[in-house]
Amino acid sequence: MNLSIKTEMREGTPVIEVDGDLDVYTAPRLQEALDSVATGGVRVVLDLTAVHFIDSTALGVLVSTQQRLRADDGELSLVLDDPYLLKIFHITGFDGIFSIYSQVAEAVSRS
């Protein structure tokens, strides 16, 4: 249940760095972090490079945040490079819902 979440601004874009597993126990903390910056059409980058497990509850948080942001012309972009997580996003079809990058700098420059 160890989870670290850090938020910072990079080139005017909120970047949330997550370190730890995202599951039913930690998803509420992720939701709080996303809610704190995901308002009014903002583009948010979520750095998941230090995450190696994500369950359906956490995926639901990501999808609902993406829907809310897109309703206001915003977007949630993901940064991940773990082959296991990439496979999950591909199998679920979520790789078509999110812009996925391998590096934060690339995601921020596209935001």
N, C-alpha and C. Protein backbone atom coordinates (compact mmCIF):
# COMPACT_ATOMS: atom_id res chain seq x y z
N MET A 1 0.80 -1.20 0.00
CA MET A 1 0.00 0.00 0.00
C MET A 1 0.85 1.27 0.00
N ASN A 2 2.15 1.15 -0.17
CA ASN A 2 3.00 2.33 -0.26
C ASN A 2 2.78 3.01 -1.59
N LEU A 3 2.45 4.27 -1.53
CA LEU A 3 2.22 5.05 -2.73
C LEU A 3 2.71 6.45 -2.48
N SER A 4 3.48 6.96 -3.43
CA SER A 4 3.97 8.33 -3.37
C SER A 4 3.41 9.07 -4.58
N ILE A 5 2.84 10.24 -4.33
CA ILE A 5 2.30 11.06 -5.41
C ILE A 5 2.85 12.47 -5.23
N LYS A 6 3.45 12.97 -6.31
CA LYS A 6 4.04 14.31 -6.28
C LYS A 6 3.53 15.08 -7.49
N THR A 7 3.12 16.31 -7.27
CA THR A 7 2.62 17.15 -8.35
C THR A 7 3.53 18.35 -8.51
N GLU A 8 3.87 18.65 -9.78
CA GLU A 8 4.68 19.84 -10.06
C GLU A 8 4.27 20.39 -11.42
N MET A 9 4.63 21.63 -11.66
CA MET A 9 4.35 22.27 -12.95
C MET A 9 5.62 22.21 -13.80
N ARG A 10 5.45 21.80 -15.05
CA ARG A 10 6.55 21.79 -16.01
C ARG A 10 6.07 22.49 -17.27
N GLU A 11 6.69 23.60 -17.57
CA GLU A 11 6.32 24.39 -18.76
C GLU A 11 4.83 24.70 -18.76
N GLY A 12 4.29 25.00 -17.60
CA GLY A 12 2.88 25.36 -17.48
C GLY A 12 1.92 24.20 -17.47
N THR A 13 2.44 22.98 -17.47
CA THR A 13 1.61 21.78 -17.49
C THR A 13 1.72 21.05 -16.15
N PRO A 14 0.59 20.74 -15.51
CA PRO A 14 0.68 19.95 -14.28
C PRO A 14 1.14 18.52 -14.59
N VAL A 15 2.15 18.08 -13.87
CA VAL A 15 2.68 16.73 -14.00
C VAL A 15 2.54 16.04 -12.65
N ILE A 16 1.86 14.91 -12.64
CA ILE A 16 1.69 14.13 -11.42
C ILE A 16 2.55 12.89 -11.55
N GLU A 17 3.51 12.74 -10.64
CA GLU A 17 4.39 11.57 -10.63
C GLU A 17 3.89 10.59 -9.58
N VAL A 18 3.69 9.35 -9.99
CA VAL A 18 3.18 8.31 -9.10
C VAL A 18 4.25 7.23 -8.95
N ASP A 19 4.48 6.81 -7.71
CA ASP A 19 5.44 5.75 -7.42
C ASP A 19 4.77 4.75 -6.49
N GLY A 20 4.55 3.53 -6.98
CA GLY A 20 3.90 2.50 -6.19
C GLY A 20 2.81 1.82 -7.00
N ASP A 21 2.11 0.91 -6.37
CA ASP A 21 1.03 0.19 -7.04
C ASP A 21 -0.27 0.98 -6.98
N LEU A 22 -1.02 0.92 -8.06
CA LEU A 22 -2.33 1.57 -8.12
C LEU A 22 -3.40 0.49 -8.07
N ASP A 23 -4.11 0.46 -6.96
CA ASP A 23 -5.13 -0.56 -6.77
C ASP A 23 -6.30 0.02 -6.00
N VAL A 24 -7.20 -0.85 -5.59
CA VAL A 24 -8.42 -0.42 -4.90
C VAL A 24 -8.10 0.39 -3.64
N TYR A 25 -6.97 0.15 -3.01
CA TYR A 25 -6.61 0.85 -1.78
C TYR A 25 -5.98 2.21 -2.04
N THR A 26 -5.26 2.34 -3.15
CA THR A 26 -4.55 3.59 -3.42
C THR A 26 -5.26 4.47 -4.46
N ALA A 27 -6.24 3.94 -5.15
CA ALA A 27 -6.96 4.70 -6.18
C ALA A 27 -7.59 5.99 -5.64
N PRO A 28 -8.13 6.01 -4.41
CA PRO A 28 -8.68 7.27 -3.91
C PRO A 28 -7.63 8.39 -3.80
N ARG A 29 -6.40 8.04 -3.45
CA ARG A 29 -5.33 9.05 -3.38
C ARG A 29 -5.00 9.57 -4.78
N LEU A 30 -5.00 8.66 -5.76
CA LEU A 30 -4.77 9.08 -7.14
C LEU A 30 -5.90 10.01 -7.58
N GLN A 31 -7.13 9.66 -7.26
CA GLN A 31 -8.28 10.50 -7.62
C GLN A 31 -8.14 11.90 -7.03
N GLU A 32 -7.75 11.98 -5.76
CA GLU A 32 -7.56 13.29 -5.11
C GLU A 32 -6.50 14.12 -5.83
N ALA A 33 -5.38 13.49 -6.19
CA ALA A 33 -4.31 14.21 -6.87
C ALA A 33 -4.78 14.71 -8.23
N LEU A 34 -5.48 13.87 -8.97
CA LEU A 34 -5.99 14.28 -10.28
C LEU A 34 -7.04 15.38 -10.14
N ASP A 35 -7.93 15.25 -9.17
CA ASP A 35 -8.97 16.25 -8.97
C ASP A 35 -8.39 17.62 -8.61
N SER A 36 -7.24 17.63 -7.96
CA SER A 36 -6.64 18.89 -7.53
C SER A 36 -6.13 19.73 -8.71
N VAL A 37 -5.87 19.09 -9.86
CA VAL A 37 -5.36 19.84 -11.02
C VAL A 37 -6.23 19.73 -12.25
N ALA A 38 -7.15 18.78 -12.30
CA ALA A 38 -7.93 18.50 -13.50
C ALA A 38 -9.20 19.33 -13.54
N THR A 39 -9.03 20.61 -13.86
CA THR A 39 -10.19 21.50 -13.94
C THR A 39 -10.06 22.43 -15.14
N GLY A 40 -11.17 22.80 -15.69
CA GLY A 40 -11.24 23.84 -16.69
C GLY A 40 -10.41 23.67 -17.94
N GLY A 41 -10.44 22.52 -18.55
CA GLY A 41 -9.79 22.34 -19.84
C GLY A 41 -8.27 22.23 -19.78
N VAL A 42 -7.74 21.94 -18.64
CA VAL A 42 -6.28 21.82 -18.49
C VAL A 42 -5.79 20.50 -19.09
N ARG A 43 -4.57 20.49 -19.52
CA ARG A 43 -3.91 19.27 -19.98
C ARG A 43 -3.02 18.79 -18.84
N VAL A 44 -3.21 17.55 -18.44
CA VAL A 44 -2.50 16.96 -17.30
C VAL A 44 -1.65 15.80 -17.80
N VAL A 45 -0.42 15.72 -17.28
CA VAL A 45 0.46 14.59 -17.59
C VAL A 45 0.58 13.74 -16.32
N LEU A 46 0.32 12.46 -16.46
CA LEU A 46 0.42 11.52 -15.34
C LEU A 46 1.59 10.59 -15.62
N ASP A 47 2.63 10.73 -14.80
CA ASP A 47 3.86 9.93 -14.95
C ASP A 47 3.71 8.63 -14.17
N LEU A 48 3.57 7.53 -14.90
CA LEU A 48 3.40 6.21 -14.30
C LEU A 48 4.64 5.34 -14.48
N THR A 49 5.80 5.94 -14.76
CA THR A 49 7.00 5.15 -15.01
C THR A 49 7.49 4.38 -13.78
N ALA A 50 7.07 4.80 -12.59
CA ALA A 50 7.46 4.08 -11.37
C ALA A 50 6.33 3.21 -10.84
N VAL A 51 5.31 2.98 -11.68
CA VAL A 51 4.18 2.11 -11.32
C VAL A 51 4.35 0.79 -12.07
N HIS A 52 4.17 -0.31 -11.36
CA HIS A 52 4.32 -1.62 -12.00
C HIS A 52 3.08 -2.50 -11.87
N PHE A 53 2.03 -1.96 -11.24
CA PHE A 53 0.77 -2.68 -11.13
C PHE A 53 -0.36 -1.67 -11.12
N ILE A 54 -1.42 -1.99 -11.88
CA ILE A 54 -2.61 -1.14 -11.88
C ILE A 54 -3.82 -2.06 -12.01
N ASP A 55 -4.82 -1.83 -11.17
CA ASP A 55 -6.02 -2.68 -11.24
C ASP A 55 -7.18 -1.90 -11.86
N SER A 56 -8.32 -2.57 -11.96
CA SER A 56 -9.48 -1.99 -12.64
C SER A 56 -10.01 -0.75 -11.94
N THR A 57 -9.87 -0.67 -10.63
CA THR A 57 -10.34 0.51 -9.91
C THR A 57 -9.53 1.73 -10.32
N ALA A 58 -8.22 1.58 -10.37
CA ALA A 58 -7.36 2.69 -10.77
C ALA A 58 -7.57 3.04 -12.24
N LEU A 59 -7.76 2.04 -13.08
CA LEU A 59 -8.07 2.31 -14.49
C LEU A 59 -9.35 3.12 -14.62
N GLY A 60 -10.32 2.80 -13.78
CA GLY A 60 -11.58 3.55 -13.77
C GLY A 60 -11.37 5.01 -13.41
N VAL A 61 -10.47 5.26 -12.47
CA VAL A 61 -10.14 6.64 -12.09
C VAL A 61 -9.56 7.38 -13.29
N LEU A 62 -8.66 6.73 -14.01
CA LEU A 62 -8.04 7.37 -15.18
C LEU A 62 -9.07 7.67 -16.26
N VAL A 63 -9.94 6.71 -16.54
CA VAL A 63 -10.95 6.90 -17.58
C VAL A 63 -11.93 8.00 -17.20
N SER A 64 -12.40 8.01 -15.97
CA SER A 64 -13.36 9.05 -15.56
C SER A 64 -12.71 10.43 -15.58
N THR A 65 -11.44 10.51 -15.21
CA THR A 65 -10.74 11.79 -15.26
C THR A 65 -10.59 12.24 -16.71
N GLN A 66 -10.25 11.32 -17.60
CA GLN A 66 -10.11 11.66 -19.01
C GLN A 66 -11.44 12.18 -19.57
N GLN A 67 -12.52 11.52 -19.24
CA GLN A 67 -13.83 11.95 -19.72
C GLN A 67 -14.17 13.35 -19.22
N ARG A 68 -13.90 13.60 -17.95
CA ARG A 68 -14.19 14.91 -17.37
C ARG A 68 -13.33 15.99 -18.03
N LEU A 69 -12.05 15.71 -18.23
CA LEU A 69 -11.17 16.69 -18.86
C LEU A 69 -11.57 16.97 -20.30
N ARG A 70 -11.86 15.92 -21.05
CA ARG A 70 -12.21 16.11 -22.46
C ARG A 70 -13.52 16.88 -22.63
N ALA A 71 -14.41 16.78 -21.67
CA ALA A 71 -15.66 17.54 -21.73
C ALA A 71 -15.39 19.04 -21.70
N ASP A 72 -14.23 19.44 -21.14
CA ASP A 72 -13.84 20.85 -21.08
C ASP A 72 -12.64 21.15 -21.99
N ASP A 73 -12.45 20.31 -23.03
CA ASP A 73 -11.34 20.47 -23.97
C ASP A 73 -9.96 20.29 -23.33
N GLY A 74 -9.89 19.50 -22.28
CA GLY A 74 -8.61 19.16 -21.67
C GLY A 74 -8.22 17.75 -22.05
N GLU A 75 -7.15 17.26 -21.44
CA GLU A 75 -6.71 15.90 -21.74
C GLU A 75 -5.82 15.39 -20.62
N LEU A 76 -5.88 14.08 -20.42
CA LEU A 76 -4.98 13.38 -19.51
C LEU A 76 -4.04 12.55 -20.38
N SER A 77 -2.75 12.89 -20.35
CA SER A 77 -1.74 12.13 -21.08
C SER A 77 -0.97 11.27 -20.08
N LEU A 78 -0.62 10.07 -20.50
CA LEU A 78 0.08 9.13 -19.63
C LEU A 78 1.51 8.93 -20.08
N VAL A 79 2.40 8.77 -19.11
CA VAL A 79 3.79 8.43 -19.38
C VAL A 79 4.04 7.09 -18.73
N LEU A 80 4.35 6.09 -19.55
CA LEU A 80 4.66 4.77 -19.00
C LEU A 80 5.55 4.02 -19.96
N ASP A 81 6.39 3.17 -19.38
CA ASP A 81 7.32 2.39 -20.20
C ASP A 81 7.39 0.93 -19.77
N ASP A 82 6.61 0.55 -18.76
CA ASP A 82 6.60 -0.83 -18.29
C ASP A 82 5.83 -1.69 -19.30
N PRO A 83 6.46 -2.73 -19.85
CA PRO A 83 5.79 -3.57 -20.85
C PRO A 83 4.48 -4.19 -20.33
N TYR A 84 4.44 -4.53 -19.05
CA TYR A 84 3.23 -5.10 -18.45
C TYR A 84 2.08 -4.09 -18.51
N LEU A 85 2.36 -2.85 -18.10
CA LEU A 85 1.31 -1.83 -18.13
C LEU A 85 0.91 -1.49 -19.56
N LEU A 86 1.87 -1.40 -20.44
CA LEU A 86 1.55 -1.13 -21.84
C LEU A 86 0.62 -2.22 -22.39
N LYS A 87 0.87 -3.45 -22.01
CA LYS A 87 0.04 -4.56 -22.46
C LYS A 87 -1.38 -4.42 -21.92
N ILE A 88 -1.52 -4.03 -20.66
CA ILE A 88 -2.85 -3.83 -20.07
C ILE A 88 -3.61 -2.76 -20.84
N PHE A 89 -2.95 -1.65 -21.14
CA PHE A 89 -3.62 -0.59 -21.87
C PHE A 89 -3.98 -1.02 -23.29
N HIS A 90 -3.16 -1.85 -23.89
CA HIS A 90 -3.45 -2.35 -25.23
C HIS A 90 -4.62 -3.34 -25.21
N ILE A 91 -4.59 -4.30 -24.30
CA ILE A 91 -5.64 -5.33 -24.21
C ILE A 91 -7.01 -4.70 -23.92
N THR A 92 -7.03 -3.71 -23.05
CA THR A 92 -8.30 -3.07 -22.68
C THR A 92 -8.78 -2.07 -23.73
N GLY A 93 -7.91 -1.73 -24.66
CA GLY A 93 -8.26 -0.72 -25.65
C GLY A 93 -8.07 0.70 -25.16
N PHE A 94 -7.54 0.84 -23.95
CA PHE A 94 -7.33 2.17 -23.38
C PHE A 94 -6.19 2.92 -24.05
N ASP A 95 -5.37 2.21 -24.81
CA ASP A 95 -4.32 2.91 -25.56
C ASP A 95 -4.92 3.77 -26.66
N GLY A 96 -6.20 3.57 -26.96
CA GLY A 96 -6.90 4.42 -27.90
C GLY A 96 -7.61 5.59 -27.23
N ILE A 97 -7.69 5.55 -25.92
CA ILE A 97 -8.36 6.61 -25.15
C ILE A 97 -7.36 7.65 -24.67
N PHE A 98 -6.15 7.20 -24.37
CA PHE A 98 -5.12 8.06 -23.81
C PHE A 98 -3.98 8.26 -24.80
N SER A 99 -3.38 9.43 -24.77
CA SER A 99 -2.10 9.64 -25.43
C SER A 99 -1.05 9.09 -24.48
N ILE A 100 -0.24 8.14 -24.96
CA ILE A 100 0.75 7.48 -24.11
C ILE A 100 2.14 7.80 -24.64
N TYR A 101 2.99 8.25 -23.74
CA TYR A 101 4.36 8.63 -24.06
C TYR A 101 5.33 7.83 -23.20
N SER A 102 6.58 7.75 -23.64
CA SER A 102 7.59 7.02 -22.88
C SER A 102 8.41 7.94 -21.98
N GLN A 103 8.31 9.26 -22.20
CA GLN A 103 9.06 10.22 -21.39
C GLN A 103 8.19 11.43 -21.06
N VAL A 104 8.41 11.96 -19.87
CA VAL A 104 7.63 13.12 -19.42
C VAL A 104 7.85 14.31 -20.33
N ALA A 105 9.10 14.56 -20.72
CA ALA A 105 9.41 15.72 -21.55
C ALA A 105 8.62 15.70 -22.86
N GLU A 106 8.48 14.52 -23.44
CA GLU A 106 7.72 14.39 -24.68
C GLU A 106 6.24 14.68 -24.45
N ALA A 107 5.69 14.17 -23.35
CA ALA A 107 4.28 14.39 -23.03
C ALA A 107 4.01 15.87 -22.77
N VAL A 108 4.92 16.52 -22.05
CA VAL A 108 4.74 17.95 -21.73
C VAL A 108 4.82 18.78 -23.00
N SER A 109 5.72 18.46 -23.90
CA SER A 109 5.87 19.24 -25.13
C SER A 109 4.65 19.09 -26.03
N ARG A 110 3.92 18.01 -25.91
CA ARG A 110 2.72 17.79 -26.71
C ARG A 110 1.47 18.33 -26.05
N SER A 111 1.59 18.72 -24.79
CA SER A 111 0.41 19.21 -24.04
C SER A 111 0.04 20.61 -24.44
